[in-house]
C-alpha cells in the first residue's frame, strides 16, 4: 500500500515546484509506484480479478497522462520517462 510518506517522497522527486501535486509528472510517478505495488500483489494472488481490473485501469490512465505530456512538452515527457525508467 502506498503510505503518505512514500507518496510525499515520490512527489518531491519529480515535482516542478514546491507545492506541485497535480502536474502530469507527479501523477505519472504516483501511478507508476501504485502499478508496481499492485503488480507484486498480483504475482502472489493470481485469481484476484478485481485488483487486476484496477491495475489495467491505472495503466490506461498513466498512458493517457504520458500521451498528454508528450503532446504538450516533449522535454518534460523525455525527462519523466528517463527518470522513471518507463520505456526501454
C-alpha atoms as a PDB file:
ATOM      1  CA  UNK A   1       0.000   0.000   0.000  1.00  0.00           C
ATOM      2  CA  UNK A   2       1.215   3.486  -0.815  1.00  0.00           C
ATOM      3  CA  UNK A   3       1.596   5.343   2.502  1.00  0.00           C
ATOM      4  CA  UNK A   4       1.576   9.096   2.902  1.00  0.00           C
ATOM      5  CA  UNK A   5       5.344   9.305   3.480  1.00  0.00           C
ATOM      6  CA  UNK A   6       6.124   7.173   0.420  1.00  0.00           C
ATOM      7  CA  UNK A   7       3.825   9.322  -1.679  1.00  0.00           C
ATOM      8  CA  UNK A   8       5.464  12.556  -0.451  1.00  0.00           C
ATOM      9  CA  UNK A   9       8.894  11.146  -1.271  1.00  0.00           C
ATOM     10  CA  UNK A  10       7.751  10.276  -4.808  1.00  0.00           C
ATOM     11  CA  UNK A  11       6.212  13.715  -5.289  1.00  0.00           C
ATOM     12  CA  UNK A  12       9.380  15.505  -4.118  1.00  0.00           C
ATOM     13  CA  UNK A  13      11.400  13.533  -6.641  1.00  0.00           C
ATOM     14  CA  UNK A  14       9.502  14.754  -9.707  1.00  0.00           C
ATOM     15  CA  UNK A  15       7.677  17.932  -8.627  1.00  0.00           C
ATOM     16  CA  UNK A  16       8.159  21.052 -10.731  1.00  0.00           C
ATOM     17  CA  UNK A  17       7.722  23.457  -7.799  1.00  0.00           C
ATOM     18  CA  UNK A  18       7.383  23.026  -4.054  1.00  0.00           C
ATOM     19  CA  UNK A  19       3.561  22.766  -3.854  1.00  0.00           C
ATOM     20  CA  UNK A  20       3.154  20.701  -7.020  1.00  0.00           C
ATOM     21  CA  UNK A  21       0.752  17.787  -6.603  1.00  0.00           C
ATOM     22  CA  UNK A  22      -1.263  17.763  -9.821  1.00  0.00           C
ATOM     23  CA  UNK A  23       1.185  18.092 -12.691  1.00  0.00           C
ATOM     24  CA  UNK A  24       1.322  15.207 -15.169  1.00  0.00           C
ATOM     25  CA  UNK A  25       4.809  14.277 -13.959  1.00  0.00           C
ATOM     26  CA  UNK A  26       3.623  13.815 -10.371  1.00  0.00           C
ATOM     27  CA  UNK A  27       0.535  11.880 -11.424  1.00  0.00           C
ATOM     28  CA  UNK A  28       2.600   9.582 -13.660  1.00  0.00           C
ATOM     29  CA  UNK A  29       5.120   8.941 -10.875  1.00  0.00           C
ATOM     30  CA  UNK A  30       2.440   8.108  -8.288  1.00  0.00           C
ATOM     31  CA  UNK A  31       0.590   5.860 -10.725  1.00  0.00           C
ATOM     32  CA  UNK A  32       3.838   4.079 -11.590  1.00  0.00           C
ATOM     33  CA  UNK A  33       4.513   3.311  -7.924  1.00  0.00           C
ATOM     34  CA  UNK A  34       0.943   2.067  -7.402  1.00  0.00           C
ATOM     35  CA  UNK A  35       1.212  -0.098 -10.528  1.00  0.00           C
ATOM     36  CA  UNK A  36       4.469  -1.628  -9.288  1.00  0.00           C
ATOM     37  CA  UNK A  37       2.991  -2.456  -5.880  1.00  0.00           C
ATOM     38  CA  UNK A  38      -0.185  -3.930  -7.364  1.00  0.00           C
ATOM     39  CA  UNK A  39       1.844  -6.000  -9.827  1.00  0.00           C
ATOM     40  CA  UNK A  40       3.749  -7.542  -6.916  1.00  0.00           C
ATOM     41  CA  UNK A  41       0.447  -8.331  -5.207  1.00  0.00           C
ATOM     42  CA  UNK A  42      -0.963  -9.989  -8.316  1.00  0.00           C
ATOM     43  CA  UNK A  43       2.071 -12.254  -8.690  1.00  0.00           C
ATOM     44  CA  UNK A  44       1.102 -13.925  -5.418  1.00  0.00           C
ATOM     45  CA  UNK A  45      -2.665 -13.726  -5.881  1.00  0.00           C
ATOM     46  CA  UNK A  46      -3.262 -14.867  -9.438  1.00  0.00           C
ATOM     47  CA  UNK A  47      -7.046 -15.187  -9.111  1.00  0.00           C
ATOM     48  CA  UNK A  48      -7.634 -11.643  -7.813  1.00  0.00           C
ATOM     49  CA  UNK A  49      -9.581 -10.442 -10.842  1.00  0.00           C
ATOM     50  CA  UNK A  50     -10.905  -7.254  -9.243  1.00  0.00           C
ATOM     51  CA  UNK A  51      -7.418  -5.959  -8.473  1.00  0.00           C
ATOM     52  CA  UNK A  52      -6.263  -6.915 -11.969  1.00  0.00           C
ATOM     53  CA  UNK A  53      -9.045  -4.763 -13.417  1.00  0.00           C
ATOM     54  CA  UNK A  54      -7.904  -1.847 -11.250  1.00  0.00           C
ATOM     55  CA  UNK A  55      -4.345  -2.394 -12.449  1.00  0.00           C
ATOM     56  CA  UNK A  56      -5.407  -2.232 -16.084  1.00  0.00           C
ATOM     57  CA  UNK A  57      -7.336   0.959 -15.354  1.00  0.00           C
ATOM     58  CA  UNK A  58      -4.250   2.554 -13.754  1.00  0.00           C
ATOM     59  CA  UNK A  59      -2.048   1.533 -16.698  1.00  0.00           C
ATOM     60  CA  UNK A  60      -4.519   3.119 -19.130  1.00  0.00           C
ATOM     61  CA  UNK A  61      -4.663   6.278 -17.016  1.00  0.00           C
ATOM     62  CA  UNK A  62      -0.865   6.512 -16.963  1.00  0.00           C
ATOM     63  CA  UNK A  63      -0.738   6.059 -20.732  1.00  0.00           C
ATOM     64  CA  UNK A  64      -3.172   8.918 -21.252  1.00  0.00           C
ATOM     65  CA  UNK A  65      -1.116  11.185 -18.961  1.00  0.00           C
ATOM     66  CA  UNK A  66       2.036  10.245 -20.891  1.00  0.00           C
ATOM     67  CA  UNK A  67       0.357  10.973 -24.233  1.00  0.00           C
ATOM     68  CA  UNK A  68      -0.840  14.354 -22.955  1.00  0.00           C
ATOM     69  CA  UNK A  69       2.638  15.279 -21.728  1.00  0.00           C
ATOM     70  CA  UNK A  70       4.221  14.136 -24.987  1.00  0.00           C
ATOM     71  CA  UNK A  71       1.893  16.416 -26.974  1.00  0.00           C
ATOM     72  CA  UNK A  72       2.320  19.438 -24.697  1.00  0.00           C
ATOM     73  CA  UNK A  73       6.022  19.357 -23.809  1.00  0.00           C
ATOM     74  CA  UNK A  74       8.365  16.735 -25.251  1.00  0.00           C
ATOM     75  CA  UNK A  75      11.276  17.740 -22.970  1.00  0.00           C
ATOM     76  CA  UNK A  76       9.274  17.130 -19.809  1.00  0.00           C
ATOM     77  CA  UNK A  77       7.992  13.863 -21.296  1.00  0.00           C
ATOM     78  CA  UNK A  78      11.518  12.646 -22.029  1.00  0.00           C
ATOM     79  CA  UNK A  79      12.683  13.660 -18.547  1.00  0.00           C
ATOM     80  CA  UNK A  80       9.868  11.719 -16.845  1.00  0.00           C
ATOM     81  CA  UNK A  81      10.368   8.626 -18.980  1.00  0.00           C
ATOM     82  CA  UNK A  82      14.086   8.648 -18.258  1.00  0.00           C
ATOM     83  CA  UNK A  83      13.661   9.315 -14.523  1.00  0.00           C
ATOM     84  CA  UNK A  84      11.032   6.598 -14.003  1.00  0.00           C
ATOM     85  CA  UNK A  85      12.658   4.189 -16.491  1.00  0.00           C
ATOM     86  CA  UNK A  86       9.352   3.540 -18.280  1.00  0.00           C
ATOM     87  CA  UNK A  87      10.412   2.903 -21.872  1.00  0.00           C
ATOM     88  CA  UNK A  88      13.454   0.860 -22.738  1.00  0.00           C
END
